């Protein structure tokens, strides 16, 4: 999942715009929606990272067992060290 840059906030860079309650509210709602989207993306990335870490740990454990079995097959005395 690739992070995309949020579009430039039109509300921040509007010179000569009339600011009334409605336009301020609209800009605020847009900003909150962008923040929520960013938060959801962050949580999705964190969960994906957790899954990959668990899978990585599982693979490391499998490699240890395989190496131990291989060493035991070569020389039973090597697996104890």
N, C-alpha and C. Protein backbone atom coordinates (compact mmCIF):
# COMPACT_ATOMS: atom_id res chain seq x y z
N UNK A 1 0.86 -1.17 0.00
CA UNK A 1 0.00 0.00 0.00
C UNK A 1 0.90 1.23 0.00
N UNK A 2 0.71 2.07 -0.97
CA UNK A 2 1.54 3.25 -1.11
C UNK A 2 0.80 4.48 -0.58
N UNK A 3 1.50 5.27 0.19
CA UNK A 3 0.90 6.49 0.70
C UNK A 3 0.84 7.53 -0.41
N UNK A 4 -0.32 8.11 -0.57
CA UNK A 4 -0.47 9.17 -1.56
C UNK A 4 -0.52 10.51 -0.86
N UNK A 5 0.04 11.48 -1.51
CA UNK A 5 0.03 12.82 -0.94
C UNK A 5 -1.35 13.41 -1.07
N UNK A 6 -1.82 13.99 0.00
CA UNK A 6 -3.15 14.60 -0.01
C UNK A 6 -3.14 15.83 -0.91
N UNK A 7 -4.25 16.09 -1.58
CA UNK A 7 -4.30 17.28 -2.43
C UNK A 7 -4.19 18.55 -1.58
N UNK A 8 -3.73 19.58 -2.23
CA UNK A 8 -3.56 20.86 -1.53
C UNK A 8 -4.92 21.33 -1.04
N UNK A 9 -4.96 21.75 0.20
CA UNK A 9 -6.21 22.21 0.77
C UNK A 9 -6.57 23.58 0.16
N UNK A 10 -7.65 23.60 -0.58
CA UNK A 10 -8.10 24.83 -1.23
C UNK A 10 -8.43 25.88 -0.18
N UNK A 11 -8.91 25.44 0.95
CA UNK A 11 -9.31 26.38 1.99
C UNK A 11 -8.12 27.15 2.55
N UNK A 12 -6.97 26.53 2.60
CA UNK A 12 -5.81 27.19 3.19
C UNK A 12 -5.24 28.27 2.26
N UNK A 13 -5.33 28.04 0.96
CA UNK A 13 -4.66 28.93 0.02
C UNK A 13 -5.64 29.76 -0.81
N UNK A 14 -6.74 30.12 -0.25
CA UNK A 14 -7.74 30.91 -0.97
C UNK A 14 -7.66 32.36 -0.53
N UNK A 15 -7.06 33.16 -1.39
CA UNK A 15 -7.02 34.60 -1.10
C UNK A 15 -8.26 35.24 -1.69
N UNK A 16 -8.80 36.17 -1.02
CA UNK A 16 -9.97 36.87 -1.50
C UNK A 16 -11.25 36.09 -1.35
N UNK A 17 -11.20 34.98 -0.63
CA UNK A 17 -12.40 34.17 -0.42
C UNK A 17 -13.18 34.75 0.75
N UNK A 18 -14.47 34.77 0.59
CA UNK A 18 -15.30 35.26 1.70
C UNK A 18 -15.48 34.12 2.70
N UNK A 19 -15.09 34.39 3.92
CA UNK A 19 -15.17 33.38 4.97
C UNK A 19 -16.43 33.62 5.80
N UNK A 20 -17.38 32.72 5.60
CA UNK A 20 -18.57 32.77 6.45
C UNK A 20 -18.65 31.43 7.19
N UNK A 21 -19.66 31.27 8.00
CA UNK A 21 -19.76 30.05 8.80
C UNK A 21 -19.80 28.80 7.93
N UNK A 22 -20.52 28.88 6.83
CA UNK A 22 -20.66 27.71 5.95
C UNK A 22 -19.34 27.30 5.31
N UNK A 23 -18.57 28.28 4.82
CA UNK A 23 -17.31 27.93 4.17
C UNK A 23 -16.28 27.43 5.18
N UNK A 24 -16.30 28.02 6.36
CA UNK A 24 -15.40 27.55 7.42
C UNK A 24 -15.76 26.13 7.81
N UNK A 25 -17.04 25.85 7.97
CA UNK A 25 -17.49 24.51 8.33
C UNK A 25 -17.12 23.50 7.24
N UNK A 26 -17.32 23.87 5.98
CA UNK A 26 -17.01 22.98 4.87
C UNK A 26 -15.51 22.64 4.86
N UNK A 27 -14.67 23.63 5.04
CA UNK A 27 -13.22 23.41 5.08
C UNK A 27 -12.83 22.55 6.28
N UNK A 28 -13.46 22.78 7.39
CA UNK A 28 -13.17 21.99 8.59
C UNK A 28 -13.56 20.53 8.39
N UNK A 29 -14.73 20.30 7.81
CA UNK A 29 -15.18 18.93 7.56
C UNK A 29 -14.25 18.23 6.58
N UNK A 30 -13.83 18.94 5.53
CA UNK A 30 -12.89 18.36 4.57
C UNK A 30 -11.57 17.98 5.24
N UNK A 31 -11.11 18.83 6.11
CA UNK A 31 -9.86 18.57 6.81
C UNK A 31 -9.99 17.36 7.74
N UNK A 32 -11.10 17.27 8.45
CA UNK A 32 -11.31 16.14 9.36
C UNK A 32 -11.40 14.84 8.55
N UNK A 33 -12.05 14.88 7.40
CA UNK A 33 -12.14 13.68 6.56
C UNK A 33 -10.75 13.24 6.08
N UNK A 34 -9.93 14.21 5.71
CA UNK A 34 -8.57 13.87 5.29
C UNK A 34 -7.78 13.25 6.43
N UNK A 35 -7.94 13.80 7.62
CA UNK A 35 -7.26 13.24 8.79
C UNK A 35 -7.73 11.82 9.07
N UNK A 36 -9.03 11.57 8.95
CA UNK A 36 -9.56 10.23 9.18
C UNK A 36 -9.01 9.25 8.15
N UNK A 37 -8.93 9.68 6.90
CA UNK A 37 -8.39 8.82 5.86
C UNK A 37 -6.93 8.49 6.13
N UNK A 38 -6.16 9.49 6.54
CA UNK A 38 -4.76 9.26 6.86
C UNK A 38 -4.62 8.31 8.05
N UNK A 39 -5.49 8.46 9.03
CA UNK A 39 -5.44 7.58 10.20
C UNK A 39 -5.78 6.15 9.81
N UNK A 40 -6.79 5.96 8.98
CA UNK A 40 -7.15 4.62 8.52
C UNK A 40 -6.01 3.98 7.74
N UNK A 41 -5.35 4.78 6.90
CA UNK A 41 -4.21 4.27 6.15
C UNK A 41 -3.08 3.87 7.08
N UNK A 42 -2.82 4.69 8.08
CA UNK A 42 -1.78 4.39 9.04
C UNK A 42 -2.09 3.10 9.80
N UNK A 43 -3.32 2.93 10.26
CA UNK A 43 -3.69 1.71 10.97
C UNK A 43 -3.58 0.49 10.08
N UNK A 44 -3.95 0.62 8.80
CA UNK A 44 -3.82 -0.49 7.87
C UNK A 44 -2.35 -0.87 7.67
N UNK A 45 -1.49 0.14 7.56
CA UNK A 45 -0.07 -0.13 7.40
C UNK A 45 0.53 -0.77 8.66
N UNK A 46 0.10 -0.31 9.82
CA UNK A 46 0.58 -0.91 11.06
C UNK A 46 0.15 -2.36 11.19
N UNK A 47 -1.07 -2.66 10.81
CA UNK A 47 -1.55 -4.04 10.88
C UNK A 47 -0.80 -4.92 9.88
N UNK A 48 -0.56 -4.41 8.69
CA UNK A 48 0.21 -5.16 7.69
C UNK A 48 1.61 -5.42 8.21
N UNK A 49 2.21 -4.43 8.87
CA UNK A 49 3.54 -4.60 9.45
C UNK A 49 3.53 -5.68 10.53
N UNK A 50 2.50 -5.69 11.37
CA UNK A 50 2.39 -6.72 12.41
C UNK A 50 2.29 -8.11 11.79
N UNK A 51 1.49 -8.23 10.73
CA UNK A 51 1.34 -9.52 10.05
C UNK A 51 2.68 -9.98 9.47
N UNK A 52 3.40 -9.07 8.84
CA UNK A 52 4.69 -9.42 8.26
C UNK A 52 5.70 -9.80 9.34
N UNK A 53 5.66 -9.12 10.47
CA UNK A 53 6.56 -9.47 11.58
C UNK A 53 6.26 -10.87 12.11
N UNK A 54 4.96 -11.18 12.24
CA UNK A 54 4.59 -12.54 12.70
C UNK A 54 5.04 -13.60 11.71
N UNK A 55 4.84 -13.33 10.43
CA UNK A 55 5.25 -14.27 9.39
C UNK A 55 6.77 -14.43 9.39
N UNK A 56 7.48 -13.33 9.56
CA UNK A 56 8.94 -13.36 9.61
C UNK A 56 9.41 -14.22 10.79
N UNK A 57 8.79 -14.04 11.94
CA UNK A 57 9.15 -14.84 13.12
C UNK A 57 8.89 -16.32 12.88
N UNK A 58 7.77 -16.61 12.25
CA UNK A 58 7.44 -18.00 11.92
C UNK A 58 8.51 -18.61 11.00
N UNK A 59 8.92 -17.86 9.99
CA UNK A 59 9.95 -18.36 9.08
C UNK A 59 11.29 -18.55 9.78
N UNK A 60 11.63 -17.64 10.69
CA UNK A 60 12.87 -17.79 11.46
C UNK A 60 12.84 -19.07 12.30
N UNK A 61 11.69 -19.33 12.91
CA UNK A 61 11.56 -20.55 13.71
C UNK A 61 11.68 -21.79 12.84
N UNK A 62 11.07 -21.76 11.67
CA UNK A 62 11.19 -22.90 10.75
C UNK A 62 12.63 -23.13 10.33
N UNK A 63 13.35 -22.03 10.08
CA UNK A 63 14.76 -22.16 9.70
C UNK A 63 15.58 -22.76 10.83
N UNK A 64 15.32 -22.38 12.06
CA UNK A 64 16.05 -22.94 13.19
C UNK A 64 15.80 -24.44 13.31
N UNK A 65 14.55 -24.83 13.15
CA UNK A 65 14.22 -26.26 13.24
C UNK A 65 14.88 -27.02 12.10
N UNK A 66 14.82 -26.47 10.89
CA UNK A 66 15.43 -27.14 9.75
C UNK A 66 16.93 -27.28 9.93
N UNK A 67 17.57 -26.21 10.40
CA UNK A 67 19.01 -26.27 10.63
C UNK A 67 19.35 -27.28 11.71
N UNK A 68 18.56 -27.30 12.76
CA UNK A 68 18.78 -28.26 13.84
C UNK A 68 18.64 -29.70 13.32
N UNK A 69 17.59 -29.94 12.53
CA UNK A 69 17.40 -31.29 11.96
C UNK A 69 18.54 -31.66 11.02
N UNK A 70 19.01 -30.69 10.24
CA UNK A 70 20.11 -30.94 9.31
C UNK A 70 21.38 -31.28 10.08
N UNK A 71 21.68 -30.51 11.10
CA UNK A 71 22.87 -30.78 11.90
C UNK A 71 22.77 -32.12 12.61
N UNK A 72 21.60 -32.47 13.07
CA UNK A 72 21.41 -33.75 13.75
C UNK A 72 21.61 -34.90 12.78
N UNK A 73 21.19 -34.72 11.52
CA UNK A 73 21.36 -35.77 10.51
C UNK A 73 22.84 -35.96 10.18
N UNK A 74 23.61 -34.86 10.18
CA UNK A 74 25.03 -34.96 9.87
C UNK A 74 25.77 -35.60 11.04
N UNK A 75 25.58 -35.05 12.20
CA UNK A 75 26.27 -35.55 13.40
C UNK A 75 25.39 -35.28 14.61
N UNK A 76 24.85 -36.31 15.22
CA UNK A 76 23.96 -36.13 16.38
C UNK A 76 24.58 -35.31 17.52
N UNK A 77 25.89 -35.30 17.64
CA UNK A 77 26.54 -34.55 18.71
C UNK A 77 26.56 -33.03 18.45
N UNK A 78 26.45 -32.59 17.18
CA UNK A 78 26.48 -31.17 16.84
C UNK A 78 25.19 -30.44 17.27
N UNK A 79 24.09 -31.12 17.30
CA UNK A 79 22.83 -30.46 17.60
C UNK A 79 22.73 -30.00 19.05
N UNK A 80 23.54 -30.54 19.92
CA UNK A 80 23.50 -30.15 21.33
C UNK A 80 24.26 -28.87 21.60
N UNK A 81 25.12 -28.43 20.70
CA UNK A 81 25.92 -27.24 20.96
C UNK A 81 25.27 -25.98 20.52
